Amino acid sequence: MVVAHEPTFFSHHDLEGFELLQRDVPPLARAALEAARDAKRRWIEREGMIVIRCHDVLDAMPGGVVDSLAEQLGFGAADYVASWRGYRVVRLPSPAAAEDVAQRLAQAFAELGQPGVGLYGDSKRVVKTLGLGTGFGCEPWRFVELGADMALTIDDRIKTWVEGEWADDSGYPLAVINHGTSEEWGVRRLARRLKDAFPALPVELIPQGCGYRWVQP
């Protein structure tokens, strides 16, 4: 049995509504998607695998993915100055330049295979508060509304020509990491909770971290 956080079949609702979601995909591309979906489904069924998706609960619950992220970066509930759904704004121990905050983030995320942290905006701007979010819950506009001086977001949540361009034009510091990196510590916590809840069963973490491989010249 696999307890996963993200979907198995390339869409938010997995097999339910797959065709509806892909209706605008061109025929050859849609056939490629469906071929991969069908092959994966056949393999799962042949192997007798059970897949449980623990997504919304792990995103929304106290101590879930975003609180796990904050904790691993050295922040606890006492450091939260704003909290809304999966968004957290934390107060830094002392004011710091955005590039220094980004450097600290890069150091922490290197453990998860993240090759670096993207940074938009004014790297010299001094910030006192940092917005933290994971997965889809890290929209930069929300962090601005919540009063964060700088925000952490993910690579498949923003568009470079929208939020990235705005950050550069306005100076608002925006650090960017991979989706998998942002949620890895939450999934690790889930594995520990499963071990505690079912001590008689073997539980093995399948780490992902940064979902892509960084190729350098």
N, C-alpha and C. Protein backbone atom coordinates (compact mmCIF):
# COMPACT_ATOMS: atom_id res chain seq x y z
N MET A 1 0.85 -1.19 0.00
CA MET A 1 0.00 0.00 0.00
C MET A 1 0.88 1.24 0.00
N VAL A 2 0.56 2.18 -0.86
CA VAL A 2 1.27 3.45 -0.95
C VAL A 2 0.35 4.55 -0.46
N VAL A 3 0.83 5.34 0.50
CA VAL A 3 0.11 6.53 0.94
C VAL A 3 0.82 7.72 0.31
N ALA A 4 0.17 8.32 -0.66
CA ALA A 4 0.78 9.40 -1.44
C ALA A 4 0.12 10.73 -1.10
N HIS A 5 0.82 11.81 -1.42
CA HIS A 5 0.25 13.13 -1.20
C HIS A 5 -0.35 13.69 -2.50
N GLU A 6 0.37 13.56 -3.60
CA GLU A 6 -0.10 14.11 -4.86
C GLU A 6 -0.83 13.04 -5.68
N PRO A 7 -1.53 13.44 -6.75
CA PRO A 7 -2.33 12.47 -7.53
C PRO A 7 -1.45 11.47 -8.28
N THR A 8 -2.04 10.34 -8.59
CA THR A 8 -1.34 9.27 -9.29
C THR A 8 -1.41 9.44 -10.80
N PHE A 9 -2.49 10.05 -11.29
CA PHE A 9 -2.75 10.05 -12.73
C PHE A 9 -2.81 11.46 -13.32
N PHE A 10 -1.92 12.33 -12.93
CA PHE A 10 -1.65 13.59 -13.62
C PHE A 10 -2.80 14.60 -13.61
N SER A 11 -3.76 14.45 -12.73
CA SER A 11 -4.83 15.44 -12.59
C SER A 11 -5.29 15.45 -11.14
N HIS A 12 -5.84 16.57 -10.71
CA HIS A 12 -6.15 16.73 -9.29
C HIS A 12 -7.09 15.65 -8.77
N HIS A 13 -8.07 15.28 -9.58
CA HIS A 13 -9.04 14.28 -9.14
C HIS A 13 -8.73 12.88 -9.68
N ASP A 14 -7.48 12.68 -10.09
CA ASP A 14 -7.04 11.38 -10.60
C ASP A 14 -7.94 10.89 -11.73
N LEU A 15 -8.50 9.70 -11.60
CA LEU A 15 -9.28 9.13 -12.70
C LEU A 15 -10.64 9.79 -12.86
N GLU A 16 -11.16 10.35 -11.80
CA GLU A 16 -12.46 11.02 -11.88
C GLU A 16 -12.28 12.38 -12.56
N GLY A 17 -12.94 12.54 -13.69
CA GLY A 17 -12.86 13.80 -14.40
C GLY A 17 -11.61 13.95 -15.24
N PHE A 18 -10.85 12.87 -15.45
CA PHE A 18 -9.61 12.95 -16.23
C PHE A 18 -9.89 13.45 -17.64
N GLU A 19 -10.88 12.84 -18.30
CA GLU A 19 -11.18 13.22 -19.68
C GLU A 19 -11.64 14.67 -19.77
N LEU A 20 -12.45 15.11 -18.80
CA LEU A 20 -12.94 16.48 -18.82
C LEU A 20 -11.78 17.47 -18.68
N LEU A 21 -10.84 17.14 -17.81
CA LEU A 21 -9.72 18.04 -17.58
C LEU A 21 -8.82 18.14 -18.81
N GLN A 22 -8.70 17.04 -19.57
CA GLN A 22 -7.81 16.99 -20.72
C GLN A 22 -8.51 17.30 -22.04
N ARG A 23 -9.73 17.79 -21.98
CA ARG A 23 -10.52 17.94 -23.20
C ARG A 23 -9.90 18.93 -24.19
N ASP A 24 -9.11 19.88 -23.73
CA ASP A 24 -8.51 20.87 -24.62
C ASP A 24 -7.10 20.51 -25.05
N VAL A 25 -6.61 19.35 -24.58
CA VAL A 25 -5.28 18.90 -24.97
C VAL A 25 -5.35 18.35 -26.40
N PRO A 26 -4.43 18.72 -27.29
CA PRO A 26 -4.46 18.21 -28.67
C PRO A 26 -4.43 16.68 -28.71
N PRO A 27 -4.99 16.09 -29.79
CA PRO A 27 -5.19 14.62 -29.84
C PRO A 27 -3.93 13.79 -29.57
N LEU A 28 -2.81 14.10 -30.22
CA LEU A 28 -1.62 13.28 -30.03
C LEU A 28 -1.10 13.39 -28.59
N ALA A 29 -1.14 14.59 -28.05
CA ALA A 29 -0.69 14.77 -26.66
C ALA A 29 -1.63 14.07 -25.69
N ARG A 30 -2.93 14.17 -25.96
CA ARG A 30 -3.90 13.49 -25.10
C ARG A 30 -3.70 11.98 -25.14
N ALA A 31 -3.39 11.44 -26.33
CA ALA A 31 -3.14 10.00 -26.46
C ALA A 31 -1.92 9.60 -25.64
N ALA A 32 -0.90 10.47 -25.62
CA ALA A 32 0.30 10.17 -24.83
C ALA A 32 -0.02 10.16 -23.34
N LEU A 33 -0.83 11.13 -22.90
CA LEU A 33 -1.25 11.17 -21.50
C LEU A 33 -2.04 9.92 -21.13
N GLU A 34 -2.98 9.56 -21.99
CA GLU A 34 -3.84 8.41 -21.70
C GLU A 34 -3.06 7.11 -21.72
N ALA A 35 -2.05 7.02 -22.60
CA ALA A 35 -1.24 5.80 -22.65
C ALA A 35 -0.45 5.62 -21.36
N ALA A 36 0.12 6.71 -20.85
CA ALA A 36 0.86 6.63 -19.60
C ALA A 36 -0.08 6.31 -18.44
N ARG A 37 -1.26 6.93 -18.44
CA ARG A 37 -2.25 6.65 -17.40
C ARG A 37 -2.65 5.18 -17.41
N ASP A 38 -2.95 4.66 -18.59
CA ASP A 38 -3.43 3.28 -18.69
C ASP A 38 -2.35 2.28 -18.31
N ALA A 39 -1.11 2.54 -18.72
CA ALA A 39 -0.01 1.63 -18.38
C ALA A 39 0.22 1.62 -16.87
N LYS A 40 0.15 2.79 -16.27
CA LYS A 40 0.35 2.88 -14.83
C LYS A 40 -0.77 2.17 -14.08
N ARG A 41 -1.99 2.37 -14.55
CA ARG A 41 -3.13 1.71 -13.90
C ARG A 41 -3.02 0.19 -14.02
N ARG A 42 -2.64 -0.31 -15.19
CA ARG A 42 -2.49 -1.76 -15.36
C ARG A 42 -1.43 -2.31 -14.42
N TRP A 43 -0.32 -1.58 -14.27
CA TRP A 43 0.75 -2.06 -13.38
C TRP A 43 0.26 -2.10 -11.94
N ILE A 44 -0.42 -1.06 -11.49
CA ILE A 44 -0.95 -1.02 -10.12
C ILE A 44 -1.91 -2.17 -9.88
N GLU A 45 -2.80 -2.41 -10.82
CA GLU A 45 -3.79 -3.48 -10.66
C GLU A 45 -3.13 -4.85 -10.73
N ARG A 46 -2.13 -5.01 -11.61
CA ARG A 46 -1.45 -6.30 -11.72
C ARG A 46 -0.69 -6.64 -10.44
N GLU A 47 -0.09 -5.61 -9.83
CA GLU A 47 0.69 -5.84 -8.62
C GLU A 47 -0.18 -5.88 -7.36
N GLY A 48 -1.48 -5.61 -7.50
CA GLY A 48 -2.36 -5.61 -6.34
C GLY A 48 -2.07 -4.48 -5.37
N MET A 49 -1.62 -3.36 -5.89
CA MET A 49 -1.25 -2.24 -5.03
C MET A 49 -2.49 -1.41 -4.66
N ILE A 50 -2.50 -0.95 -3.42
CA ILE A 50 -3.52 -0.01 -2.95
C ILE A 50 -2.87 1.36 -2.85
N VAL A 51 -3.52 2.38 -3.37
CA VAL A 51 -3.00 3.75 -3.28
C VAL A 51 -4.00 4.60 -2.51
N ILE A 52 -3.55 5.17 -1.42
CA ILE A 52 -4.35 6.11 -0.63
C ILE A 52 -3.75 7.48 -0.82
N ARG A 53 -4.56 8.43 -1.23
CA ARG A 53 -4.06 9.79 -1.40
C ARG A 53 -4.45 10.62 -0.18
N CYS A 54 -3.44 11.05 0.54
CA CYS A 54 -3.65 11.91 1.71
C CYS A 54 -3.23 13.33 1.32
N HIS A 55 -4.17 14.07 0.74
CA HIS A 55 -3.82 15.39 0.21
C HIS A 55 -4.42 16.53 1.03
N ASP A 56 -5.73 16.75 0.90
CA ASP A 56 -6.33 17.94 1.52
C ASP A 56 -6.17 17.95 3.03
N VAL A 57 -6.27 16.77 3.65
CA VAL A 57 -6.11 16.69 5.11
C VAL A 57 -4.71 17.14 5.51
N LEU A 58 -3.71 16.62 4.80
CA LEU A 58 -2.32 16.95 5.14
C LEU A 58 -2.01 18.42 4.86
N ASP A 59 -2.70 18.99 3.88
CA ASP A 59 -2.52 20.41 3.58
C ASP A 59 -3.17 21.29 4.65
N ALA A 60 -4.34 20.91 5.13
CA ALA A 60 -5.15 21.79 5.98
C ALA A 60 -4.92 21.61 7.47
N MET A 61 -4.50 20.45 7.91
CA MET A 61 -4.45 20.16 9.34
C MET A 61 -3.31 20.92 10.03
N PRO A 62 -3.49 21.30 11.29
CA PRO A 62 -2.38 21.85 12.07
C PRO A 62 -1.25 20.82 12.13
N GLY A 63 -0.04 21.27 11.93
CA GLY A 63 1.08 20.34 11.91
C GLY A 63 1.23 19.64 10.58
N GLY A 64 0.51 20.08 9.55
CA GLY A 64 0.59 19.48 8.22
C GLY A 64 1.79 19.99 7.44
N VAL A 65 1.65 20.06 6.11
CA VAL A 65 2.81 20.35 5.28
C VAL A 65 3.40 21.74 5.55
N VAL A 66 2.56 22.75 5.71
CA VAL A 66 3.11 24.10 5.85
C VAL A 66 3.74 24.29 7.23
N ASP A 67 3.14 23.73 8.26
CA ASP A 67 3.75 23.85 9.59
C ASP A 67 5.03 23.03 9.68
N SER A 68 5.08 21.91 8.96
CA SER A 68 6.31 21.12 8.92
C SER A 68 7.42 21.90 8.23
N LEU A 69 7.06 22.59 7.15
CA LEU A 69 8.03 23.43 6.45
C LEU A 69 8.57 24.52 7.38
N ALA A 70 7.67 25.22 8.06
CA ALA A 70 8.08 26.28 8.97
C ALA A 70 8.99 25.75 10.07
N GLU A 71 8.62 24.60 10.62
CA GLU A 71 9.39 24.02 11.71
C GLU A 71 10.82 23.69 11.27
N GLN A 72 10.95 23.10 10.09
CA GLN A 72 12.28 22.72 9.62
C GLN A 72 13.13 23.94 9.26
N LEU A 73 12.47 25.06 9.01
CA LEU A 73 13.21 26.30 8.76
C LEU A 73 13.50 27.06 10.05
N GLY A 74 13.08 26.49 11.18
CA GLY A 74 13.41 27.08 12.47
C GLY A 74 12.34 27.96 13.08
N PHE A 75 11.09 27.87 12.55
CA PHE A 75 10.02 28.71 13.06
C PHE A 75 8.94 27.86 13.72
N GLY A 76 8.43 28.36 14.84
CA GLY A 76 7.34 27.70 15.53
C GLY A 76 6.12 28.60 15.57
N ALA A 77 5.07 28.11 16.22
CA ALA A 77 3.82 28.87 16.27
C ALA A 77 4.02 30.25 16.90
N ALA A 78 4.94 30.37 17.83
CA ALA A 78 5.19 31.66 18.48
C ALA A 78 5.76 32.69 17.51
N ASP A 79 6.30 32.22 16.38
CA ASP A 79 6.87 33.13 15.40
C ASP A 79 5.86 33.58 14.36
N TYR A 80 4.66 32.97 14.37
CA TYR A 80 3.65 33.33 13.38
C TYR A 80 3.07 34.70 13.70
N VAL A 81 3.08 35.58 12.72
CA VAL A 81 2.42 36.87 12.90
C VAL A 81 1.12 36.93 12.10
N ALA A 82 0.92 35.99 11.20
CA ALA A 82 -0.34 35.89 10.45
C ALA A 82 -0.49 34.45 9.98
N SER A 83 -1.73 33.98 9.95
CA SER A 83 -2.02 32.62 9.51
C SER A 83 -3.39 32.60 8.86
N TRP A 84 -3.45 32.05 7.66
CA TRP A 84 -4.73 31.94 6.96
C TRP A 84 -4.68 30.70 6.08
N ARG A 85 -5.56 29.74 6.40
CA ARG A 85 -5.57 28.46 5.68
C ARG A 85 -4.15 27.89 5.65
N GLY A 86 -3.60 27.63 4.46
CA GLY A 86 -2.27 27.05 4.38
C GLY A 86 -1.15 28.06 4.30
N TYR A 87 -1.46 29.31 4.62
CA TYR A 87 -0.46 30.38 4.55
C TYR A 87 0.02 30.73 5.96
N ARG A 88 1.33 30.96 6.09
CA ARG A 88 1.90 31.41 7.34
C ARG A 88 2.83 32.59 7.06
N VAL A 89 2.81 33.57 7.93
CA VAL A 89 3.79 34.65 7.89
C VAL A 89 4.54 34.62 9.20
N VAL A 90 5.86 34.50 9.10
CA VAL A 90 6.69 34.38 10.31
C VAL A 90 7.57 35.62 10.45
N ARG A 91 7.91 35.94 11.70
CA ARG A 91 8.82 37.05 11.97
C ARG A 91 10.24 36.50 12.02
N LEU A 92 11.13 37.12 11.27
CA LEU A 92 12.53 36.70 11.27
C LEU A 92 13.19 37.07 12.60
N PRO A 93 14.22 36.34 13.01
CA PRO A 93 14.90 36.67 14.28
C PRO A 93 15.44 38.10 14.29
N SER A 94 15.86 38.59 13.14
CA SER A 94 16.32 39.98 13.01
C SER A 94 16.16 40.40 11.55
N PRO A 95 15.98 41.68 11.29
CA PRO A 95 15.85 42.14 9.90
C PRO A 95 17.06 41.72 9.07
N ALA A 96 16.82 41.36 7.82
CA ALA A 96 17.91 40.89 6.96
C ALA A 96 17.61 41.23 5.51
N ALA A 97 18.66 41.34 4.71
CA ALA A 97 18.49 41.57 3.28
C ALA A 97 17.87 40.33 2.65
N ALA A 98 17.06 40.54 1.63
CA ALA A 98 16.37 39.43 0.98
C ALA A 98 17.35 38.37 0.47
N GLU A 99 18.49 38.80 -0.06
CA GLU A 99 19.45 37.82 -0.58
C GLU A 99 20.02 36.95 0.54
N ASP A 100 20.14 37.51 1.75
CA ASP A 100 20.62 36.71 2.88
C ASP A 100 19.57 35.70 3.32
N VAL A 101 18.30 36.13 3.31
CA VAL A 101 17.22 35.20 3.64
C VAL A 101 17.17 34.08 2.61
N ALA A 102 17.30 34.44 1.33
CA ALA A 102 17.29 33.43 0.27
C ALA A 102 18.45 32.46 0.43
N GLN A 103 19.61 32.96 0.85
CA GLN A 103 20.76 32.10 1.07
C GLN A 103 20.49 31.10 2.19
N ARG A 104 19.85 31.55 3.26
CA ARG A 104 19.50 30.64 4.36
C ARG A 104 18.50 29.58 3.89
N LEU A 105 17.55 29.99 3.08
CA LEU A 105 16.58 29.04 2.54
C LEU A 105 17.29 28.01 1.66
N ALA A 106 18.19 28.48 0.81
CA ALA A 106 18.92 27.56 -0.07
C ALA A 106 19.72 26.55 0.73
N GLN A 107 20.31 27.00 1.82
CA GLN A 107 21.08 26.09 2.67
C GLN A 107 20.18 25.01 3.26
N ALA A 108 18.99 25.40 3.71
CA ALA A 108 18.07 24.43 4.30
C ALA A 108 17.54 23.45 3.26
N PHE A 109 17.16 23.96 2.09
CA PHE A 109 16.55 23.10 1.08
C PHE A 109 17.55 22.23 0.34
N ALA A 110 18.85 22.53 0.47
CA ALA A 110 19.86 21.68 -0.15
C ALA A 110 19.76 20.24 0.36
N GLU A 111 19.32 20.09 1.59
CA GLU A 111 19.13 18.75 2.18
C GLU A 111 18.15 17.91 1.37
N LEU A 112 17.22 18.58 0.68
CA LEU A 112 16.17 17.89 -0.06
C LEU A 112 16.49 17.80 -1.55
N GLY A 113 17.72 18.13 -1.92
CA GLY A 113 18.12 18.03 -3.32
C GLY A 113 17.77 19.25 -4.15
N GLN A 114 17.34 20.33 -3.51
CA GLN A 114 17.04 21.56 -4.24
C GLN A 114 18.36 22.23 -4.59
N PRO A 115 18.65 22.41 -5.89
CA PRO A 115 19.98 22.91 -6.28
C PRO A 115 20.21 24.38 -5.97
N GLY A 116 19.17 25.12 -5.68
CA GLY A 116 19.29 26.54 -5.38
C GLY A 116 17.91 27.13 -5.22
N VAL A 117 17.85 28.39 -4.89
CA VAL A 117 16.58 29.08 -4.71
C VAL A 117 16.51 30.23 -5.70
N GLY A 118 15.45 30.29 -6.49
CA GLY A 118 15.26 31.42 -7.38
C GLY A 118 14.87 32.65 -6.57
N LEU A 119 15.32 33.81 -7.00
CA LEU A 119 14.99 35.03 -6.28
C LEU A 119 14.63 36.14 -7.26
N TYR A 120 13.40 36.62 -7.15
CA TYR A 120 12.94 37.79 -7.88
C TYR A 120 12.91 38.98 -6.93
N GLY A 121 12.82 40.18 -7.50
CA GLY A 121 12.67 41.37 -6.67
C GLY A 121 14.00 41.96 -6.24
N ASP A 122 13.92 42.86 -5.30
CA ASP A 122 15.08 43.60 -4.81
C ASP A 122 15.85 42.75 -3.79
N SER A 123 17.01 42.27 -4.19
CA SER A 123 17.78 41.38 -3.31
C SER A 123 18.34 42.11 -2.10
N LYS A 124 18.41 43.44 -2.16
CA LYS A 124 18.97 44.22 -1.05
C LYS A 124 17.90 44.71 -0.08
N ARG A 125 16.63 44.52 -0.42
CA ARG A 125 15.57 45.02 0.44
C ARG A 125 15.63 44.34 1.81
N VAL A 126 15.53 45.11 2.84
CA VAL A 126 15.55 44.56 4.20
C VAL A 126 14.15 44.09 4.57
N VAL A 127 14.06 42.84 5.00
CA VAL A 127 12.75 42.26 5.33
C VAL A 127 12.72 41.83 6.79
N LYS A 128 11.55 41.91 7.37
CA LYS A 128 11.35 41.49 8.76
C LYS A 128 10.44 40.28 8.87
N THR A 129 9.57 40.10 7.87
CA THR A 129 8.63 38.97 7.91
C THR A 129 8.71 38.20 6.60
N LEU A 130 8.48 36.89 6.70
CA LEU A 130 8.59 35.99 5.55
C LEU A 130 7.32 35.16 5.43
N GLY A 131 6.75 35.14 4.24
CA GLY A 131 5.58 34.32 3.99
C GLY A 131 5.98 32.91 3.58
N LEU A 132 5.35 31.92 4.19
CA LEU A 132 5.64 30.52 3.89
C LEU A 132 4.38 29.80 3.45
N GLY A 133 4.50 29.02 2.40
CA GLY A 133 3.37 28.22 1.92
C GLY A 133 3.90 27.03 1.14
N THR A 134 3.03 26.08 0.86
CA THR A 134 3.43 24.89 0.13
C THR A 134 2.42 24.61 -0.97
N GLY A 135 2.86 23.84 -1.98
CA GLY A 135 1.93 23.45 -3.03
C GLY A 135 1.21 24.64 -3.62
N PHE A 136 -0.09 24.48 -3.82
CA PHE A 136 -0.87 25.55 -4.43
C PHE A 136 -1.09 26.71 -3.47
N GLY A 137 -0.88 26.49 -2.18
CA GLY A 137 -1.15 27.52 -1.17
C GLY A 137 0.01 28.44 -0.93
N CYS A 138 0.51 29.05 -1.98
CA CYS A 138 1.60 30.02 -1.78
C CYS A 138 1.51 31.11 -2.85
N GLU A 139 0.31 31.60 -3.05
CA GLU A 139 0.09 32.67 -4.01
C GLU A 139 0.70 33.96 -3.49
N PRO A 140 1.59 34.62 -4.23
CA PRO A 140 2.24 35.83 -3.72
C PRO A 140 1.28 36.91 -3.27
N TRP A 141 0.14 37.08 -3.99
CA TRP A 141 -0.79 38.14 -3.61
C TRP A 141 -1.35 37.92 -2.20
N ARG A 142 -1.54 36.68 -1.83
CA ARG A 142 -2.02 36.38 -0.48
C ARG A 142 -1.00 36.82 0.57
N PHE A 143 0.27 36.57 0.28
CA PHE A 143 1.30 36.96 1.23
C PHE A 143 1.37 38.48 1.39
N VAL A 144 1.20 39.19 0.29
CA VAL A 144 1.17 40.65 0.36
C VAL A 144 0.00 41.10 1.25
N GLU A 145 -1.16 40.47 1.05
CA GLU A 145 -2.34 40.81 1.83
C GLU A 145 -2.13 40.52 3.31
N LEU A 146 -1.37 39.47 3.61
CA LEU A 146 -1.14 39.07 4.99
C LEU A 146 0.01 39.84 5.64
N GLY A 147 0.66 40.71 4.89
CA GLY A 147 1.68 41.57 5.48
C GLY A 147 3.10 41.03 5.44
N ALA A 148 3.38 40.03 4.62
CA ALA A 148 4.74 39.50 4.54
C ALA A 148 5.63 40.44 3.72
N ASP A 149 6.84 40.72 4.20
CA ASP A 149 7.79 41.56 3.48
C ASP A 149 8.44 40.82 2.32
N MET A 150 8.46 39.48 2.41
CA MET A 150 9.07 38.61 1.41
C MET A 150 8.29 37.31 1.44
N ALA A 151 8.29 36.57 0.34
CA ALA A 151 7.50 35.34 0.33
C ALA A 151 8.25 34.21 -0.35
N LEU A 152 7.91 33.00 0.06
CA LEU A 152 8.41 31.77 -0.56
C LEU A 152 7.27 31.16 -1.36
N THR A 153 7.53 30.85 -2.62
CA THR A 153 6.51 30.22 -3.46
C THR A 153 7.14 29.06 -4.23
N ILE A 154 6.36 28.42 -5.12
CA ILE A 154 6.88 27.27 -5.84
C ILE A 154 6.84 27.51 -7.34
N ASP A 155 7.62 26.71 -8.06
CA ASP A 155 7.82 26.94 -9.49
C ASP A 155 6.58 26.68 -10.35
N ASP A 156 5.64 25.86 -9.88
CA ASP A 156 4.44 25.64 -10.70
C ASP A 156 3.23 26.39 -10.15
N ARG A 157 3.49 27.38 -9.27
CA ARG A 157 2.41 28.23 -8.77
C ARG A 157 2.43 29.61 -9.41
N ILE A 158 3.59 30.04 -9.85
CA ILE A 158 3.70 31.38 -10.42
C ILE A 158 4.08 31.32 -11.89
N LYS A 159 3.84 32.41 -12.58
CA LYS A 159 4.31 32.61 -13.95
C LYS A 159 5.38 33.69 -13.91
N THR A 160 6.47 33.44 -14.63
CA THR A 160 7.57 34.41 -14.60
C THR A 160 7.13 35.76 -15.13
N TRP A 161 6.23 35.77 -16.10
CA TRP A 161 5.83 37.02 -16.73
C TRP A 161 4.69 37.73 -15.98
N VAL A 162 4.20 37.10 -14.91
CA VAL A 162 3.17 37.75 -14.09
C VAL A 162 3.77 38.07 -12.72
N GLU A 163 3.79 37.08 -11.83
CA GLU A 163 4.29 37.33 -10.48
C GLU A 163 5.80 37.65 -10.48
N GLY A 164 6.56 36.96 -11.33
CA GLY A 164 8.00 37.23 -11.39
C GLY A 164 8.30 38.63 -11.88
N GLU A 165 7.62 39.03 -12.95
CA GLU A 165 7.83 40.37 -13.49
C GLU A 165 7.37 41.44 -12.50
N TRP A 166 6.23 41.16 -11.84
CA TRP A 166 5.74 42.11 -10.84
C TRP A 166 6.74 42.27 -9.70
N ALA A 167 7.30 41.14 -9.25
CA ALA A 167 8.27 41.20 -8.15
C ALA A 167 9.50 42.02 -8.56
N ASP A 168 9.98 41.83 -9.79
CA ASP A 168 11.13 42.61 -10.23
C ASP A 168 10.79 44.09 -10.35
N ASP A 169 9.60 44.39 -10.87
CA ASP A 169 9.23 45.80 -11.06
C ASP A 169 8.94 46.50 -9.73
N SER A 170 8.33 45.78 -8.81
CA SER A 170 7.95 46.39 -7.53
C SER A 170 9.06 46.30 -6.49
N GLY A 171 9.98 45.35 -6.70
CA GLY A 171 11.05 45.13 -5.72
C GLY A 171 10.70 44.10 -4.67
N TYR A 172 9.45 43.60 -4.68
CA TYR A 172 9.02 42.65 -3.65
C TYR A 172 9.83 41.35 -3.79
N PRO A 173 10.55 40.93 -2.74
CA PRO A 173 11.38 39.73 -2.85
C PRO A 173 10.53 38.45 -2.85
N LEU A 174 10.78 37.61 -3.85
CA LEU A 174 10.02 36.39 -4.02
C LEU A 174 10.99 35.24 -4.26
N ALA A 175 11.08 34.32 -3.31
CA ALA A 175 11.94 33.15 -3.44
C ALA A 175 11.13 31.98 -4.00
N VAL A 176 11.76 31.21 -4.89
CA VAL A 176 11.04 30.15 -5.60
C VAL A 176 11.79 28.83 -5.47
N ILE A 177 11.03 27.77 -5.09
CA ILE A 177 11.58 26.42 -5.01
C ILE A 177 10.65 25.46 -5.76
N ASN A 178 11.03 24.20 -5.80
CA ASN A 178 10.23 23.18 -6.45
C ASN A 178 9.06 22.75 -5.57
N HIS A 179 7.97 22.33 -6.19
CA HIS A 179 6.77 21.89 -5.48
C HIS A 179 7.11 20.75 -4.49
N GLY A 180 7.83 19.75 -4.99
CA GLY A 180 8.17 18.61 -4.13
C GLY A 180 9.01 19.00 -2.93
N THR A 181 9.92 19.93 -3.14
CA THR A 181 10.75 20.42 -2.04
C THR A 181 9.89 21.03 -0.93
N SER A 182 8.89 21.80 -1.33
CA SER A 182 8.09 22.53 -0.35
C SER A 182 7.31 21.59 0.56
N GLU A 183 6.98 20.40 0.07
CA GLU A 183 6.10 19.50 0.83
C GLU A 183 6.79 18.27 1.39
N GLU A 184 8.07 18.13 1.10
CA GLU A 184 8.78 16.92 1.53
C GLU A 184 8.77 16.73 3.04
N TRP A 185 9.00 17.79 3.80
CA TRP A 185 9.05 17.63 5.26
C TRP A 185 7.68 17.26 5.82
N GLY A 186 6.61 17.72 5.19
CA GLY A 186 5.28 17.32 5.62
C GLY A 186 5.02 15.85 5.38
N VAL A 187 5.49 15.33 4.25
CA VAL A 187 5.32 13.90 3.95
C VAL A 187 6.17 13.06 4.89
N ARG A 188 7.35 13.56 5.23
CA ARG A 188 8.17 12.84 6.21
C ARG A 188 7.46 12.77 7.57
N ARG A 189 6.80 13.85 7.94
CA ARG A 189 6.06 13.83 9.20
C ARG A 189 4.91 12.84 9.11
N LEU A 190 4.25 12.77 7.96
CA LEU A 190 3.18 11.79 7.77
C LEU A 190 3.70 10.37 7.96
N ALA A 191 4.88 10.09 7.44
CA ALA A 191 5.47 8.76 7.61
C ALA A 191 5.71 8.44 9.08
N ARG A 192 6.19 9.43 9.83
CA ARG A 192 6.41 9.20 11.26
C ARG A 192 5.09 8.95 11.99
N ARG A 193 4.06 9.68 11.60
CA ARG A 193 2.75 9.49 12.23
C ARG A 193 2.18 8.11 11.92
N LEU A 194 2.39 7.64 10.71
CA LEU A 194 1.92 6.30 10.36
C LEU A 194 2.66 5.24 11.17
N LYS A 195 3.96 5.45 11.34
CA LYS A 195 4.73 4.50 12.15
C LYS A 195 4.22 4.46 13.58
N ASP A 196 3.90 5.63 14.12
CA ASP A 196 3.40 5.69 15.50
C ASP A 196 2.01 5.08 15.61
N ALA A 197 1.17 5.29 14.58
CA ALA A 197 -0.20 4.79 14.64
C ALA A 197 -0.29 3.30 14.39
N PHE A 198 0.65 2.76 13.59
CA PHE A 198 0.60 1.33 13.23
C PHE A 198 1.96 0.69 13.49
N PRO A 199 2.34 0.56 14.77
CA PRO A 199 3.69 0.08 15.10
C PRO A 199 3.97 -1.34 14.62
N ALA A 200 2.92 -2.12 14.37
CA ALA A 200 3.13 -3.50 13.94
C ALA A 200 3.40 -3.60 12.43
N LEU A 201 3.20 -2.50 11.70
CA LEU A 201 3.38 -2.53 10.25
C LEU A 201 4.68 -1.84 9.85
N PRO A 202 5.39 -2.40 8.87
CA PRO A 202 6.59 -1.71 8.37
C PRO A 202 6.18 -0.49 7.53
N VAL A 203 6.76 0.64 7.83
CA VAL A 203 6.48 1.88 7.10
C VAL A 203 7.81 2.40 6.55
N GLU A 204 7.87 2.57 5.26
CA GLU A 204 9.11 3.04 4.62
C GLU A 204 8.83 4.33 3.86
N LEU A 205 9.60 5.35 4.15
CA LEU A 205 9.48 6.62 3.44
C LEU A 205 10.11 6.50 2.06
N ILE A 206 9.40 6.98 1.04
CA ILE A 206 9.97 7.09 -0.29
C ILE A 206 10.24 8.58 -0.53
N PRO A 207 11.47 9.02 -0.36
CA PRO A 207 11.75 10.46 -0.46
C PRO A 207 11.67 10.95 -1.89
N GLN A 208 11.26 12.20 -2.05
CA GLN A 208 11.27 12.83 -3.37
C GLN A 208 12.10 14.10 -3.36
N GLY A 209 11.77 15.01 -2.46
CA GLY A 209 12.47 16.28 -2.46
C GLY A 209 12.25 17.01 -3.78
N CYS A 210 13.29 17.64 -4.27
CA CYS A 210 13.20 18.36 -5.54
C CYS A 210 12.88 17.37 -6.65
N GLY A 211 11.79 17.63 -7.40
CA GLY A 211 11.29 16.64 -8.35
C GLY A 211 12.04 16.56 -9.66
N TYR A 212 12.87 17.53 -9.96
CA TYR A 212 13.63 17.48 -11.21
C TYR A 212 15.10 17.27 -10.93
N ARG A 213 15.86 16.89 -11.95
CA ARG A 213 17.32 16.74 -11.84
C ARG A 213 17.96 17.98 -12.45
N TRP A 214 18.90 18.57 -11.74
CA TRP A 214 19.55 19.79 -12.17
C TRP A 214 20.79 19.42 -13.01
N VAL A 215 20.78 19.79 -14.27
CA VAL A 215 21.87 19.45 -15.19
C VAL A 215 22.68 20.72 -15.47
N GLN A 216 23.96 20.64 -15.21
CA GLN A 216 24.83 21.82 -15.40
C GLN A 216 25.78 21.59 -16.57
N PRO A 217 26.21 22.65 -17.22
CA PRO A 217 27.13 22.49 -18.33
C PRO A 217 28.51 22.07 -17.84
